Amino acid sequence: MMTFTTTRCLIRPFEQQDIEPFMDYRNDLDWMQHHSFKGLTLQEYERSLLSDQAITQGMQLAIIHQETNELIGDLYVQQDGTTYWVGYTISPRHARQGYAFEVVSGLILHLSAQGAETIKAGAIPTNEASIALLKKLNFTYITMEDDEQIYALDVTK
């Protein structure tokens, strides 16, 4: 089970009380224009998020604010050998406060400790905030794949 903390956040598997706040921002289609996994029903999200998830198949983790205990976003992680794919979403109410940088930095450290060698992330070219975050985290652009720019970070250095 993947659980870790950052300065302000606890990253853990989803629990029942997280589903409705998750739906609030995931079904805000303007906010989620750059993302997939949106616009689903409560039952569909519950089935996906509350079932046992395998990291090799991809898993969604809740980002919980430690002081308020509220869901402020989510992380996606999928393992492929020593390469890990990551994704991240912060709710609009908590955007532009450094949470994505904080939790993705924490995730990189956590995965490095688990033996990760490369961390990859994709962003569509219009998602300027995500691309800026990846560059700030020292990811480098490697290729275009299915309309997404793919970035990679070598964590063995």
N, C-alpha and C. Protein backbone atom coordinates (compact mmCIF):
# COMPACT_ATOMS: atom_id res chain seq x y z
N MET A 1 0.85 -1.20 0.00
CA MET A 1 0.00 0.00 0.00
C MET A 1 0.88 1.24 0.00
N MET A 2 0.59 2.17 -0.89
CA MET A 2 1.42 3.35 -1.00
C MET A 2 0.85 4.50 -0.18
N THR A 3 1.60 4.91 0.82
CA THR A 3 1.22 6.03 1.67
C THR A 3 2.49 6.79 2.02
N PHE A 4 2.46 8.11 1.91
CA PHE A 4 3.59 8.93 2.36
C PHE A 4 3.09 10.34 2.65
N THR A 5 3.92 11.12 3.32
CA THR A 5 3.53 12.49 3.64
C THR A 5 4.53 13.47 3.03
N THR A 6 4.04 14.69 2.82
CA THR A 6 4.88 15.82 2.43
C THR A 6 4.67 16.87 3.52
N THR A 7 5.22 18.04 3.33
CA THR A 7 5.10 19.09 4.35
C THR A 7 3.65 19.32 4.77
N ARG A 8 2.76 19.45 3.79
CA ARG A 8 1.36 19.78 4.10
C ARG A 8 0.37 18.66 3.83
N CYS A 9 0.81 17.59 3.17
CA CYS A 9 -0.15 16.62 2.66
C CYS A 9 0.15 15.18 3.07
N LEU A 10 -0.91 14.39 3.11
CA LEU A 10 -0.84 12.95 3.28
C LEU A 10 -1.31 12.35 1.96
N ILE A 11 -0.51 11.44 1.39
CA ILE A 11 -0.90 10.75 0.18
C ILE A 11 -1.23 9.32 0.58
N ARG A 12 -2.44 8.88 0.24
CA ARG A 12 -2.91 7.56 0.66
C ARG A 12 -3.94 7.06 -0.33
N PRO A 13 -4.29 5.75 -0.22
CA PRO A 13 -5.38 5.23 -1.07
C PRO A 13 -6.70 5.96 -0.77
N PHE A 14 -7.58 5.96 -1.73
CA PHE A 14 -8.89 6.61 -1.57
C PHE A 14 -9.74 5.88 -0.54
N GLU A 15 -10.57 6.65 0.17
CA GLU A 15 -11.55 6.13 1.12
C GLU A 15 -12.92 6.67 0.71
N GLN A 16 -13.97 6.07 1.25
CA GLN A 16 -15.34 6.44 0.86
C GLN A 16 -15.59 7.95 0.93
N GLN A 17 -15.12 8.61 2.01
CA GLN A 17 -15.43 10.04 2.17
C GLN A 17 -14.73 10.92 1.14
N ASP A 18 -13.80 10.36 0.38
CA ASP A 18 -13.09 11.14 -0.64
C ASP A 18 -13.84 11.22 -1.96
N ILE A 19 -14.80 10.31 -2.16
CA ILE A 19 -15.39 10.17 -3.50
C ILE A 19 -16.17 11.41 -3.93
N GLU A 20 -17.02 11.96 -3.05
CA GLU A 20 -17.80 13.13 -3.47
C GLU A 20 -16.93 14.36 -3.73
N PRO A 21 -15.97 14.69 -2.84
CA PRO A 21 -15.10 15.83 -3.18
C PRO A 21 -14.28 15.57 -4.46
N PHE A 22 -13.91 14.32 -4.71
CA PHE A 22 -13.20 13.95 -5.94
C PHE A 22 -14.09 14.26 -7.15
N MET A 23 -15.37 13.86 -7.04
CA MET A 23 -16.33 14.12 -8.12
C MET A 23 -16.51 15.60 -8.37
N ASP A 24 -16.47 16.41 -7.30
CA ASP A 24 -16.69 17.85 -7.46
C ASP A 24 -15.73 18.46 -8.48
N TYR A 25 -14.44 18.13 -8.38
CA TYR A 25 -13.52 18.72 -9.35
C TYR A 25 -13.33 17.85 -10.60
N ARG A 26 -13.44 16.54 -10.47
CA ARG A 26 -13.26 15.67 -11.65
C ARG A 26 -14.38 15.87 -12.67
N ASN A 27 -15.57 16.24 -12.21
CA ASN A 27 -16.69 16.44 -13.13
C ASN A 27 -16.88 17.90 -13.49
N ASP A 28 -15.93 18.76 -13.13
CA ASP A 28 -15.89 20.15 -13.58
C ASP A 28 -15.13 20.11 -14.91
N LEU A 29 -15.87 20.03 -16.01
CA LEU A 29 -15.24 19.73 -17.29
C LEU A 29 -14.36 20.87 -17.81
N ASP A 30 -14.61 22.10 -17.39
CA ASP A 30 -13.70 23.19 -17.75
C ASP A 30 -12.36 22.98 -17.07
N TRP A 31 -12.41 22.72 -15.77
CA TRP A 31 -11.17 22.51 -15.00
C TRP A 31 -10.41 21.28 -15.51
N MET A 32 -11.14 20.26 -15.90
CA MET A 32 -10.54 18.98 -16.28
C MET A 32 -10.30 18.84 -17.79
N GLN A 33 -10.29 19.96 -18.50
CA GLN A 33 -10.18 19.89 -19.97
C GLN A 33 -8.92 19.15 -20.45
N HIS A 34 -7.86 19.15 -19.65
CA HIS A 34 -6.61 18.51 -20.06
C HIS A 34 -6.49 17.06 -19.58
N HIS A 35 -7.52 16.55 -18.91
CA HIS A 35 -7.42 15.23 -18.27
C HIS A 35 -8.41 14.22 -18.83
N SER A 36 -8.10 12.96 -18.60
CA SER A 36 -9.07 11.89 -18.83
C SER A 36 -9.62 11.50 -17.45
N PHE A 37 -10.35 10.40 -17.35
CA PHE A 37 -10.95 9.94 -16.08
C PHE A 37 -11.78 11.05 -15.43
N LYS A 38 -12.87 11.41 -16.12
CA LYS A 38 -13.75 12.47 -15.63
C LYS A 38 -15.17 12.21 -16.11
N GLY A 39 -16.10 12.93 -15.51
CA GLY A 39 -17.48 12.86 -15.96
C GLY A 39 -18.18 11.54 -15.67
N LEU A 40 -17.69 10.80 -14.67
CA LEU A 40 -18.30 9.50 -14.34
C LEU A 40 -19.34 9.65 -13.23
N THR A 41 -20.08 8.57 -12.98
CA THR A 41 -21.06 8.58 -11.90
C THR A 41 -20.38 8.23 -10.57
N LEU A 42 -21.07 8.47 -9.48
CA LEU A 42 -20.57 8.12 -8.15
C LEU A 42 -20.19 6.64 -8.11
N GLN A 43 -21.07 5.79 -8.64
CA GLN A 43 -20.81 4.34 -8.62
C GLN A 43 -19.56 3.97 -9.43
N GLU A 44 -19.38 4.62 -10.56
CA GLU A 44 -18.20 4.33 -11.39
C GLU A 44 -16.92 4.75 -10.68
N TYR A 45 -16.93 5.90 -10.06
CA TYR A 45 -15.75 6.34 -9.31
C TYR A 45 -15.48 5.41 -8.12
N GLU A 46 -16.54 5.04 -7.40
CA GLU A 46 -16.37 4.13 -6.26
C GLU A 46 -15.76 2.81 -6.71
N ARG A 47 -16.28 2.27 -7.79
CA ARG A 47 -15.78 0.99 -8.29
C ARG A 47 -14.29 1.11 -8.65
N SER A 48 -13.94 2.20 -9.27
CA SER A 48 -12.56 2.40 -9.72
C SER A 48 -11.61 2.73 -8.56
N LEU A 49 -12.03 3.59 -7.65
CA LEU A 49 -11.13 4.13 -6.63
C LEU A 49 -11.09 3.32 -5.35
N LEU A 50 -12.16 2.60 -5.02
CA LEU A 50 -12.21 1.90 -3.74
C LEU A 50 -11.87 0.42 -3.86
N SER A 51 -11.67 -0.05 -5.09
CA SER A 51 -11.29 -1.45 -5.27
C SER A 51 -9.78 -1.57 -5.05
N ASP A 52 -9.32 -2.79 -4.90
CA ASP A 52 -7.88 -3.00 -4.78
C ASP A 52 -7.22 -2.61 -6.10
N GLN A 53 -6.27 -1.70 -6.03
CA GLN A 53 -5.60 -1.24 -7.23
C GLN A 53 -4.17 -1.78 -7.23
N ALA A 54 -3.71 -2.22 -8.37
CA ALA A 54 -2.33 -2.70 -8.50
C ALA A 54 -1.50 -1.62 -9.17
N ILE A 55 -0.33 -1.35 -8.62
CA ILE A 55 0.51 -0.29 -9.17
C ILE A 55 0.94 -0.61 -10.60
N THR A 56 1.02 -1.88 -10.95
CA THR A 56 1.40 -2.24 -12.32
C THR A 56 0.27 -1.96 -13.30
N GLN A 57 -0.97 -1.87 -12.80
CA GLN A 57 -2.12 -1.53 -13.65
C GLN A 57 -2.42 -0.04 -13.61
N GLY A 58 -1.82 0.64 -12.66
CA GLY A 58 -2.09 2.06 -12.46
C GLY A 58 -3.01 2.25 -11.28
N MET A 59 -2.65 3.16 -10.39
CA MET A 59 -3.48 3.41 -9.22
C MET A 59 -3.61 4.90 -8.97
N GLN A 60 -4.76 5.26 -8.44
CA GLN A 60 -5.07 6.65 -8.12
C GLN A 60 -4.94 6.79 -6.61
N LEU A 61 -4.24 7.83 -6.16
CA LEU A 61 -4.05 8.07 -4.73
C LEU A 61 -4.64 9.42 -4.35
N ALA A 62 -5.19 9.50 -3.15
CA ALA A 62 -5.79 10.74 -2.66
C ALA A 62 -4.71 11.64 -2.07
N ILE A 63 -4.82 12.95 -2.34
CA ILE A 63 -3.96 13.95 -1.70
C ILE A 63 -4.82 14.63 -0.64
N ILE A 64 -4.47 14.40 0.62
CA ILE A 64 -5.25 14.91 1.75
C ILE A 64 -4.46 16.02 2.44
N HIS A 65 -5.11 17.16 2.68
CA HIS A 65 -4.45 18.24 3.41
C HIS A 65 -4.38 17.83 4.87
N GLN A 66 -3.18 17.80 5.45
CA GLN A 66 -3.02 17.27 6.81
C GLN A 66 -3.75 18.09 7.86
N GLU A 67 -3.82 19.41 7.69
CA GLU A 67 -4.48 20.24 8.72
C GLU A 67 -6.00 20.13 8.68
N THR A 68 -6.56 20.12 7.48
CA THR A 68 -8.03 20.14 7.35
C THR A 68 -8.61 18.75 7.10
N ASN A 69 -7.75 17.78 6.76
CA ASN A 69 -8.18 16.42 6.44
C ASN A 69 -9.09 16.37 5.22
N GLU A 70 -9.01 17.37 4.34
CA GLU A 70 -9.86 17.35 3.14
C GLU A 70 -9.06 16.93 1.92
N LEU A 71 -9.78 16.33 0.97
CA LEU A 71 -9.18 15.93 -0.30
C LEU A 71 -8.91 17.19 -1.12
N ILE A 72 -7.65 17.36 -1.56
CA ILE A 72 -7.33 18.54 -2.37
C ILE A 72 -6.86 18.16 -3.78
N GLY A 73 -6.75 16.86 -4.04
CA GLY A 73 -6.34 16.43 -5.37
C GLY A 73 -6.05 14.95 -5.38
N ASP A 74 -5.41 14.49 -6.47
CA ASP A 74 -5.09 13.08 -6.58
C ASP A 74 -3.83 12.90 -7.41
N LEU A 75 -3.19 11.76 -7.19
CA LEU A 75 -2.01 11.35 -7.96
C LEU A 75 -2.32 10.05 -8.67
N TYR A 76 -1.72 9.87 -9.82
CA TYR A 76 -1.81 8.61 -10.55
C TYR A 76 -0.40 8.06 -10.64
N VAL A 77 -0.24 6.77 -10.38
CA VAL A 77 1.07 6.11 -10.48
C VAL A 77 0.90 4.76 -11.15
N GLN A 78 1.76 4.49 -12.12
CA GLN A 78 1.78 3.17 -12.75
C GLN A 78 3.22 2.74 -12.91
N GLN A 79 3.50 1.52 -12.47
CA GLN A 79 4.86 0.97 -12.54
C GLN A 79 5.02 0.08 -13.76
N ASP A 80 6.12 0.28 -14.46
CA ASP A 80 6.50 -0.58 -15.58
C ASP A 80 7.98 -0.90 -15.39
N GLY A 81 8.28 -1.95 -14.63
CA GLY A 81 9.67 -2.27 -14.29
C GLY A 81 10.24 -1.19 -13.38
N THR A 82 11.33 -0.55 -13.80
CA THR A 82 11.93 0.52 -12.98
C THR A 82 11.48 1.90 -13.47
N THR A 83 10.52 1.90 -14.39
CA THR A 83 9.95 3.16 -14.88
C THR A 83 8.56 3.33 -14.25
N TYR A 84 8.29 4.53 -13.80
CA TYR A 84 6.99 4.85 -13.21
C TYR A 84 6.38 6.01 -13.98
N TRP A 85 5.11 5.85 -14.36
CA TRP A 85 4.34 6.93 -14.98
C TRP A 85 3.57 7.64 -13.87
N VAL A 86 3.58 8.95 -13.88
CA VAL A 86 2.86 9.70 -12.86
C VAL A 86 1.93 10.73 -13.51
N GLY A 87 0.87 11.02 -12.78
CA GLY A 87 -0.07 12.06 -13.17
C GLY A 87 -0.54 12.75 -11.91
N TYR A 88 -1.09 13.94 -12.03
CA TYR A 88 -1.47 14.70 -10.84
C TYR A 88 -2.58 15.67 -11.19
N THR A 89 -3.47 15.86 -10.25
CA THR A 89 -4.55 16.83 -10.39
C THR A 89 -4.76 17.48 -9.03
N ILE A 90 -4.85 18.80 -9.01
CA ILE A 90 -5.17 19.53 -7.80
C ILE A 90 -6.53 20.18 -8.03
N SER A 91 -7.39 20.19 -7.02
CA SER A 91 -8.72 20.79 -7.19
C SER A 91 -8.56 22.30 -7.43
N PRO A 92 -9.52 22.90 -8.15
CA PRO A 92 -9.40 24.33 -8.47
C PRO A 92 -9.25 25.22 -7.23
N ARG A 93 -9.90 24.83 -6.13
CA ARG A 93 -9.81 25.65 -4.90
C ARG A 93 -8.41 25.68 -4.32
N HIS A 94 -7.58 24.71 -4.67
CA HIS A 94 -6.23 24.61 -4.09
C HIS A 94 -5.13 24.81 -5.13
N ALA A 95 -5.54 25.21 -6.33
CA ALA A 95 -4.57 25.40 -7.41
C ALA A 95 -3.68 26.60 -7.12
N ARG A 96 -2.50 26.60 -7.72
CA ARG A 96 -1.56 27.72 -7.65
C ARG A 96 -1.09 28.02 -6.23
N GLN A 97 -1.02 26.97 -5.39
CA GLN A 97 -0.51 27.16 -4.02
C GLN A 97 0.68 26.26 -3.74
N GLY A 98 1.25 25.69 -4.80
CA GLY A 98 2.45 24.88 -4.64
C GLY A 98 2.21 23.42 -4.27
N TYR A 99 0.94 23.01 -4.22
CA TYR A 99 0.65 21.63 -3.82
C TYR A 99 1.16 20.61 -4.84
N ALA A 100 0.96 20.88 -6.13
CA ALA A 100 1.40 19.91 -7.15
C ALA A 100 2.92 19.73 -7.07
N PHE A 101 3.67 20.83 -6.96
CA PHE A 101 5.13 20.74 -6.84
C PHE A 101 5.51 19.94 -5.60
N GLU A 102 4.85 20.23 -4.49
CA GLU A 102 5.15 19.56 -3.23
C GLU A 102 4.89 18.05 -3.30
N VAL A 103 3.70 17.66 -3.79
CA VAL A 103 3.37 16.23 -3.76
C VAL A 103 4.09 15.45 -4.85
N VAL A 104 4.32 16.05 -6.02
CA VAL A 104 5.05 15.32 -7.06
C VAL A 104 6.52 15.19 -6.65
N SER A 105 7.09 16.22 -6.01
CA SER A 105 8.45 16.10 -5.46
C SER A 105 8.51 14.96 -4.45
N GLY A 106 7.52 14.90 -3.56
CA GLY A 106 7.46 13.83 -2.56
C GLY A 106 7.30 12.47 -3.21
N LEU A 107 6.48 12.40 -4.26
CA LEU A 107 6.27 11.14 -4.98
C LEU A 107 7.58 10.68 -5.63
N ILE A 108 8.32 11.60 -6.22
CA ILE A 108 9.60 11.26 -6.85
C ILE A 108 10.55 10.67 -5.80
N LEU A 109 10.65 11.30 -4.64
CA LEU A 109 11.51 10.78 -3.57
C LEU A 109 11.05 9.39 -3.12
N HIS A 110 9.74 9.24 -2.96
CA HIS A 110 9.17 7.97 -2.52
C HIS A 110 9.47 6.86 -3.54
N LEU A 111 9.25 7.16 -4.82
CA LEU A 111 9.49 6.14 -5.86
C LEU A 111 10.98 5.83 -6.01
N SER A 112 11.83 6.84 -5.85
CA SER A 112 13.28 6.62 -5.92
C SER A 112 13.70 5.63 -4.84
N ALA A 113 13.13 5.80 -3.64
CA ALA A 113 13.44 4.90 -2.53
C ALA A 113 12.94 3.48 -2.80
N GLN A 114 11.94 3.33 -3.68
CA GLN A 114 11.40 2.01 -4.06
C GLN A 114 12.17 1.39 -5.23
N GLY A 115 13.20 2.07 -5.71
CA GLY A 115 14.00 1.52 -6.81
C GLY A 115 13.68 2.07 -8.19
N ALA A 116 12.90 3.12 -8.25
CA ALA A 116 12.61 3.73 -9.55
C ALA A 116 13.90 4.25 -10.19
N GLU A 117 13.99 4.11 -11.49
CA GLU A 117 15.12 4.67 -12.24
C GLU A 117 14.68 5.83 -13.12
N THR A 118 13.48 5.70 -13.69
CA THR A 118 12.95 6.75 -14.57
C THR A 118 11.52 7.04 -14.17
N ILE A 119 11.18 8.31 -14.15
CA ILE A 119 9.79 8.72 -13.91
C ILE A 119 9.34 9.48 -15.13
N LYS A 120 8.17 9.10 -15.66
CA LYS A 120 7.65 9.73 -16.87
C LYS A 120 6.29 10.35 -16.59
N ALA A 121 5.99 11.39 -17.35
CA ALA A 121 4.68 12.04 -17.26
C ALA A 121 4.34 12.59 -18.63
N GLY A 122 3.06 12.65 -18.91
CA GLY A 122 2.60 13.21 -20.18
C GLY A 122 1.73 14.42 -19.95
N ALA A 123 1.77 15.35 -20.89
CA ALA A 123 0.92 16.54 -20.82
C ALA A 123 0.55 16.95 -22.24
N ILE A 124 -0.71 17.31 -22.45
CA ILE A 124 -1.05 17.79 -23.78
C ILE A 124 -0.43 19.18 -23.93
N PRO A 125 -0.05 19.55 -25.15
CA PRO A 125 0.70 20.80 -25.35
C PRO A 125 0.03 22.06 -24.81
N THR A 126 -1.30 22.07 -24.71
CA THR A 126 -2.00 23.26 -24.21
C THR A 126 -2.01 23.34 -22.69
N ASN A 127 -1.57 22.29 -22.00
CA ASN A 127 -1.58 22.29 -20.53
C ASN A 127 -0.29 22.93 -20.02
N GLU A 128 -0.22 24.26 -20.16
CA GLU A 128 1.00 24.99 -19.85
C GLU A 128 1.42 24.87 -18.39
N ALA A 129 0.45 24.83 -17.49
CA ALA A 129 0.79 24.74 -16.06
C ALA A 129 1.49 23.42 -15.75
N SER A 130 0.99 22.34 -16.34
CA SER A 130 1.59 21.03 -16.10
C SER A 130 3.00 20.95 -16.70
N ILE A 131 3.16 21.48 -17.89
CA ILE A 131 4.48 21.47 -18.55
C ILE A 131 5.47 22.30 -17.74
N ALA A 132 5.02 23.45 -17.25
CA ALA A 132 5.90 24.30 -16.42
C ALA A 132 6.31 23.56 -15.15
N LEU A 133 5.38 22.82 -14.54
CA LEU A 133 5.69 22.05 -13.33
C LEU A 133 6.74 20.97 -13.65
N LEU A 134 6.54 20.24 -14.73
CA LEU A 134 7.50 19.19 -15.08
C LEU A 134 8.90 19.77 -15.31
N LYS A 135 8.97 20.91 -15.97
CA LYS A 135 10.27 21.53 -16.21
C LYS A 135 10.90 21.98 -14.89
N LYS A 136 10.08 22.53 -14.00
CA LYS A 136 10.57 22.97 -12.69
C LYS A 136 11.13 21.78 -11.89
N LEU A 137 10.55 20.60 -12.12
CA LEU A 137 11.00 19.38 -11.44
C LEU A 137 12.15 18.68 -12.18
N ASN A 138 12.69 19.35 -13.21
CA ASN A 138 13.83 18.84 -14.00
C ASN A 138 13.51 17.67 -14.94
N PHE A 139 12.24 17.51 -15.28
CA PHE A 139 11.89 16.54 -16.31
C PHE A 139 12.34 17.12 -17.65
N THR A 140 12.68 16.24 -18.59
CA THR A 140 13.04 16.70 -19.93
C THR A 140 12.08 16.10 -20.94
N TYR A 141 11.77 16.89 -21.96
CA TYR A 141 10.88 16.46 -23.03
C TYR A 141 11.56 15.36 -23.84
N ILE A 142 10.87 14.26 -24.10
CA ILE A 142 11.49 13.21 -24.91
C ILE A 142 10.77 12.94 -26.23
N THR A 143 9.45 13.01 -26.27
CA THR A 143 8.75 12.67 -27.53
C THR A 143 7.28 13.09 -27.46
N MET A 144 6.61 13.04 -28.60
CA MET A 144 5.15 13.19 -28.67
C MET A 144 4.56 11.79 -28.81
N GLU A 145 3.50 11.53 -28.09
CA GLU A 145 2.85 10.21 -28.16
C GLU A 145 1.35 10.42 -27.96
N ASP A 146 0.54 10.02 -28.93
CA ASP A 146 -0.92 10.16 -28.81
C ASP A 146 -1.33 11.56 -28.37
N ASP A 147 -0.87 12.58 -29.04
CA ASP A 147 -1.22 13.98 -28.74
C ASP A 147 -0.66 14.51 -27.41
N GLU A 148 0.16 13.73 -26.73
CA GLU A 148 0.75 14.19 -25.48
C GLU A 148 2.25 14.37 -25.63
N GLN A 149 2.76 15.38 -24.94
CA GLN A 149 4.21 15.53 -24.83
C GLN A 149 4.64 14.65 -23.66
N ILE A 150 5.63 13.80 -23.89
CA ILE A 150 6.11 12.90 -22.85
C ILE A 150 7.42 13.46 -22.28
N TYR A 151 7.46 13.53 -20.98
CA TYR A 151 8.63 14.03 -20.25
C TYR A 151 9.17 12.92 -19.37
N ALA A 152 10.48 12.93 -19.14
CA ALA A 152 11.10 11.89 -18.32
C ALA A 152 12.10 12.52 -17.35
N LEU A 153 12.27 11.87 -16.22
CA LEU A 153 13.23 12.27 -15.21
C LEU A 153 14.05 11.04 -14.83
N ASP A 154 15.37 11.16 -14.95
CA ASP A 154 16.27 10.09 -14.55
C ASP A 154 16.56 10.29 -13.06
N VAL A 155 16.12 9.35 -12.23
CA VAL A 155 16.31 9.51 -10.77
C VAL A 155 17.50 8.70 -10.26
N THR A 156 18.33 8.20 -11.17
CA THR A 156 19.51 7.43 -10.73
C THR A 156 20.71 8.35 -10.51
N LYS A 157 20.62 9.60 -10.97
CA LYS A 157 21.75 10.53 -10.88
C LYS A 157 21.91 11.07 -9.48
